[in-house]
Structures are given as C-alpha cells and as structure tokens.
C-alpha cells in the first residue's frame, strides 16, 4: 500500500508537494528535482518525516 509523503524544497524549505510512495519496496528517502513556486526555479525536493 502506498503512503503519502511530503516533499520539501531544499533551498527555501517550503512544503510544496505530496506524492505516494511504497515504503516496503523503497526504504530510502525520496529526492526529486521539481519546480518550486516560491523560489521560481527547479530545485531538489526531499522527503520529510
């Protein structure tokens, strides 16, 4: 079953996105380059607790 995780921008620390993640198959934290509307550019977004 997929759980929702929150993605946070690494530059401005705003919580922008939620995405599903299967925690049984992917145990490490998720890191995706996505567009941050607050920064106005593409930045690395990391999964938060």
PDB file of N, CA and C in Angstrom:
ATOM      1  N   UNK A   1       0.837  -1.180   0.000  1.00  0.00           N
ATOM      2  CA  UNK A   1       0.000   0.000   0.000  1.00  0.00           C
ATOM      3  C   UNK A   1       0.884   1.246   0.000  1.00  0.00           C
ATOM      4  N   UNK A   2       0.513   2.207  -0.800  1.00  0.00           N
ATOM      5  CA  UNK A   2       1.307   3.424  -0.913  1.00  0.00           C
ATOM      6  C   UNK A   2       0.896   4.431   0.156  1.00  0.00           C
ATOM      7  N   UNK A   3       1.893   5.006   0.801  1.00  0.00           N
ATOM      8  CA  UNK A   3       1.665   6.042   1.802  1.00  0.00           C
ATOM      9  C   UNK A   3       1.998   7.400   1.191  1.00  0.00           C
ATOM     10  N   UNK A   4       1.324   8.452   1.661  1.00  0.00           N
ATOM     11  CA  UNK A   4       1.622   9.799   1.189  1.00  0.00           C
ATOM     12  C   UNK A   4       2.852  10.326   1.904  1.00  0.00           C
ATOM     13  N   UNK A   5       3.750  10.944   1.149  1.00  0.00           N
ATOM     14  CA  UNK A   5       4.918  11.607   1.724  1.00  0.00           C
ATOM     15  C   UNK A   5       4.922  13.057   1.254  1.00  0.00           C
ATOM     16  N   UNK A   6       5.505  13.933   2.073  1.00  0.00           N
ATOM     17  CA  UNK A   6       5.573  15.361   1.766  1.00  0.00           C
ATOM     18  C   UNK A   6       6.967  15.675   1.244  1.00  0.00           C
ATOM     19  N   UNK A   7       7.030  16.429   0.157  1.00  0.00           N
ATOM     20  CA  UNK A   7       8.306  16.841  -0.420  1.00  0.00           C
ATOM     21  C   UNK A   7       8.560  18.303  -0.069  1.00  0.00           C
ATOM     22  N   UNK A   8       9.782  18.574   0.430  1.00  0.00           N
ATOM     23  CA  UNK A   8      10.168  19.915   0.865  1.00  0.00           C
ATOM     24  C   UNK A   8      11.328  20.420   0.016  1.00  0.00           C
ATOM     25  N   UNK A   9      11.263  21.680  -0.367  1.00  0.00           N
ATOM     26  CA  UNK A   9      12.335  22.318  -1.131  1.00  0.00           C
ATOM     27  C   UNK A   9      13.577  22.433  -0.253  1.00  0.00           C
ATOM     28  N   UNK A  10      14.744  22.133  -0.822  1.00  0.00           N
ATOM     29  CA  UNK A  10      15.984  22.193  -0.045  1.00  0.00           C
ATOM     30  C   UNK A  10      16.513  23.619   0.087  1.00  0.00           C
ATOM     31  N   UNK A  11      16.055  24.546  -0.755  1.00  0.00           N
ATOM     32  CA  UNK A  11      16.558  25.927  -0.696  1.00  0.00           C
ATOM     33  C   UNK A  11      15.720  26.818   0.219  1.00  0.00           C
ATOM     34  N   UNK A  12      14.394  26.817   0.035  1.00  0.00           N
ATOM     35  CA  UNK A  12      13.553  27.720   0.835  1.00  0.00           C
ATOM     36  C   UNK A  12      12.774  26.985   1.925  1.00  0.00           C
ATOM     37  N   UNK A  13      12.865  25.657   1.970  1.00  0.00           N
ATOM     38  CA  UNK A  13      12.237  24.801   2.983  1.00  0.00           C
ATOM     39  C   UNK A  13      10.709  24.882   3.010  1.00  0.00           C
ATOM     40  N   UNK A  14      10.100  25.226   1.869  1.00  0.00           N
ATOM     41  CA  UNK A  14       8.638  25.223   1.812  1.00  0.00           C
ATOM     42  C   UNK A  14       8.158  23.835   1.385  1.00  0.00           C
ATOM     43  N   UNK A  15       7.067  23.408   1.970  1.00  0.00           N
ATOM     44  CA  UNK A  15       6.488  22.095   1.663  1.00  0.00           C
ATOM     45  C   UNK A  15       5.529  22.257   0.499  1.00  0.00           C
ATOM     46  N   UNK A  16       5.939  21.788  -0.677  1.00  0.00           N
ATOM     47  CA  UNK A  16       5.201  22.072  -1.899  1.00  0.00           C
ATOM     48  C   UNK A  16       4.370  20.910  -2.411  1.00  0.00           C
ATOM     49  N   UNK A  17       4.850  19.690  -2.302  1.00  0.00           N
ATOM     50  CA  UNK A  17       4.219  18.573  -2.986  1.00  0.00           C
ATOM     51  C   UNK A  17       3.965  17.403  -2.035  1.00  0.00           C
ATOM     52  N   UNK A  18       2.936  16.604  -2.371  1.00  0.00           N
ATOM     53  CA  UNK A  18       2.726  15.300  -1.747  1.00  0.00           C
ATOM     54  C   UNK A  18       2.713  14.274  -2.869  1.00  0.00           C
ATOM     55  N   UNK A  19       3.222  13.095  -2.576  1.00  0.00           N
ATOM     56  CA  UNK A  19       3.301  12.043  -3.578  1.00  0.00           C
ATOM     57  C   UNK A  19       3.184  10.686  -2.894  1.00  0.00           C
ATOM     58  N   UNK A  20       2.640   9.676  -3.570  1.00  0.00           N
ATOM     59  CA  UNK A  20       2.572   8.345  -2.964  1.00  0.00           C
ATOM     60  C   UNK A  20       3.929   7.635  -3.036  1.00  0.00           C
ATOM     61  N   UNK A  21       4.187   6.796  -2.036  1.00  0.00           N
ATOM     62  CA  UNK A  21       5.442   6.043  -2.002  1.00  0.00           C
ATOM     63  C   UNK A  21       5.183   4.702  -1.333  1.00  0.00           C
ATOM     64  N   UNK A  22       5.684   3.631  -1.938  1.00  0.00           N
ATOM     65  CA  UNK A  22       5.577   2.313  -1.348  1.00  0.00           C
ATOM     66  C   UNK A  22       6.771   2.125  -0.422  1.00  0.00           C
ATOM     67  N   UNK A  23       6.521   2.148   0.882  1.00  0.00           N
ATOM     68  CA  UNK A  23       7.613   2.099   1.857  1.00  0.00           C
ATOM     69  C   UNK A  23       8.218   0.705   2.005  1.00  0.00           C
ATOM     70  N   UNK A  24       7.542  -0.325   1.496  1.00  0.00           N
ATOM     71  CA  UNK A  24       8.103  -1.682   1.575  1.00  0.00           C
ATOM     72  C   UNK A  24       9.184  -1.892   0.515  1.00  0.00           C
ATOM     73  N   UNK A  25       9.004  -1.293  -0.662  1.00  0.00           N
ATOM     74  CA  UNK A  25       9.984  -1.502  -1.729  1.00  0.00           C
ATOM     75  C   UNK A  25      11.049  -0.410  -1.768  1.00  0.00           C
ATOM     76  N   UNK A  26      10.715   0.810  -1.307  1.00  0.00           N
ATOM     77  CA  UNK A  26      11.668   1.927  -1.298  1.00  0.00           C
ATOM     78  C   UNK A  26      11.847   2.402   0.138  1.00  0.00           C
ATOM     79  N   UNK A  27      12.912   1.942   0.782  1.00  0.00           N
ATOM     80  CA  UNK A  27      13.134   2.296   2.186  1.00  0.00           C
ATOM     81  C   UNK A  27      13.892   3.608   2.339  1.00  0.00           C
ATOM     82  N   UNK A  28      14.660   4.024   1.317  1.00  0.00           N
ATOM     83  CA  UNK A  28      15.425   5.256   1.426  1.00  0.00           C
ATOM     84  C   UNK A  28      14.515   6.457   1.148  1.00  0.00           C
ATOM     85  N   UNK A  29      14.989   7.635   1.537  1.00  0.00           N
ATOM     86  CA  UNK A  29      14.208   8.854   1.355  1.00  0.00           C
ATOM     87  C   UNK A  29      14.186   9.269  -0.112  1.00  0.00           C
ATOM     88  N   UNK A  30      13.068   9.828  -0.511  1.00  0.00           N
ATOM     89  CA  UNK A  30      12.841  10.225  -1.890  1.00  0.00           C
ATOM     90  C   UNK A  30      13.470  11.592  -2.154  1.00  0.00           C
ATOM     91  N   UNK A  31      14.159  11.741  -3.295  1.00  0.00           N
ATOM     92  CA  UNK A  31      14.747  13.013  -3.714  1.00  0.00           C
ATOM     93  C   UNK A  31      14.428  13.221  -5.187  1.00  0.00           C
ATOM     94  N   UNK A  32      13.697  14.298  -5.488  1.00  0.00           N
ATOM     95  CA  UNK A  32      13.261  14.570  -6.856  1.00  0.00           C
ATOM     96  C   UNK A  32      13.507  16.041  -7.164  1.00  0.00           C
ATOM     97  N   UNK A  33      13.953  16.352  -8.396  1.00  0.00           N
ATOM     98  CA  UNK A  33      14.040  17.746  -8.827  1.00  0.00           C
ATOM     99  C   UNK A  33      12.666  18.150  -9.337  1.00  0.00           C
ATOM    100  N   UNK A  34      12.063  19.163  -8.678  1.00  0.00           N
ATOM    101  CA  UNK A  34      10.756  19.653  -9.053  1.00  0.00           C
ATOM    102  C   UNK A  34      10.761  21.177  -9.034  1.00  0.00           C
ATOM    103  N   UNK A  35       9.721  21.763  -9.627  1.00  0.00           N
ATOM    104  CA  UNK A  35       9.598  23.220  -9.669  1.00  0.00           C
ATOM    105  C   UNK A  35       9.077  23.730  -8.332  1.00  0.00           C
ATOM    106  N   UNK A  36       9.757  24.719  -7.765  1.00  0.00           N
ATOM    107  CA  UNK A  36       9.325  25.351  -6.526  1.00  0.00           C
ATOM    108  C   UNK A  36       8.691  26.689  -6.875  1.00  0.00           C
ATOM    109  N   UNK A  37       7.392  26.865  -6.617  1.00  0.00           N
ATOM    110  CA  UNK A  37       6.756  28.127  -6.958  1.00  0.00           C
ATOM    111  C   UNK A  37       7.246  29.303  -6.105  1.00  0.00           C
ATOM    112  N   UNK A  38       7.721  29.040  -4.897  1.00  0.00           N
ATOM    113  CA  UNK A  38       8.222  30.115  -4.038  1.00  0.00           C
ATOM    114  C   UNK A  38       9.589  30.615  -4.520  1.00  0.00           C
ATOM    115  N   UNK A  39      10.482  29.688  -4.896  1.00  0.00           N
ATOM    116  CA  UNK A  39      11.804  30.064  -5.427  1.00  0.00           C
ATOM    117  C   UNK A  39      11.711  30.536  -6.879  1.00  0.00           C
ATOM    118  N   UNK A  40      10.767  29.972  -7.627  1.00  0.00           N
ATOM    119  CA  UNK A  40      10.620  30.326  -9.034  1.00  0.00           C
ATOM    120  C   UNK A  40      11.570  29.584  -9.946  1.00  0.00           C
ATOM    121  N   UNK A  41      12.087  28.425  -9.498  1.00  0.00           N
ATOM    122  CA  UNK A  41      13.001  27.632 -10.315  1.00  0.00           C
ATOM    123  C   UNK A  41      12.920  26.168  -9.915  1.00  0.00           C
ATOM    124  N   UNK A  42      13.592  25.305 -10.675  1.00  0.00           N
ATOM    125  CA  UNK A  42      13.632  23.886 -10.367  1.00  0.00           C
ATOM    126  C   UNK A  42      14.706  23.637  -9.298  1.00  0.00           C
ATOM    127  N   UNK A  43      14.317  22.983  -8.208  1.00  0.00           N
ATOM    128  CA  UNK A  43      15.248  22.696  -7.125  1.00  0.00           C
ATOM    129  C   UNK A  43      15.050  21.256  -6.662  1.00  0.00           C
ATOM    130  N   UNK A  44      15.964  20.785  -5.866  1.00  0.00           N
ATOM    131  CA  UNK A  44      15.875  19.441  -5.313  1.00  0.00           C
ATOM    132  C   UNK A  44      14.863  19.441  -4.164  1.00  0.00           C
ATOM    133  N   UNK A  45      13.920  18.507  -4.219  1.00  0.00           N
ATOM    134  CA  UNK A  45      12.924  18.355  -3.166  1.00  0.00           C
ATOM    135  C   UNK A  45      13.161  17.014  -2.476  1.00  0.00           C
ATOM    136  N   UNK A  46      13.196  17.034  -1.152  1.00  0.00           N
ATOM    137  CA  UNK A  46      13.447  15.823  -0.370  1.00  0.00           C
ATOM    138  C   UNK A  46      12.229  15.457   0.453  1.00  0.00           C
ATOM    139  N   UNK A  47      12.099  14.164   0.726  1.00  0.00           N
ATOM    140  CA  UNK A  47      11.004  13.665   1.552  1.00  0.00           C
ATOM    141  C   UNK A  47      11.217  14.066   3.010  1.00  0.00           C
ATOM    142  N   UNK A  48      10.146  14.505   3.672  1.00  0.00           N
ATOM    143  CA  UNK A  48      10.214  14.837   5.079  1.00  0.00           C
ATOM    144  C   UNK A  48       9.529  13.754   5.896  1.00  0.00           C
ATOM    145  N   UNK A  49       9.705  13.813   7.199  1.00  0.00           N
ATOM    146  CA  UNK A  49       9.074  12.826   8.074  1.00  0.00           C
ATOM    147  C   UNK A  49       7.598  13.120   8.234  1.00  0.00           C
TER     148      UNK A  49
END
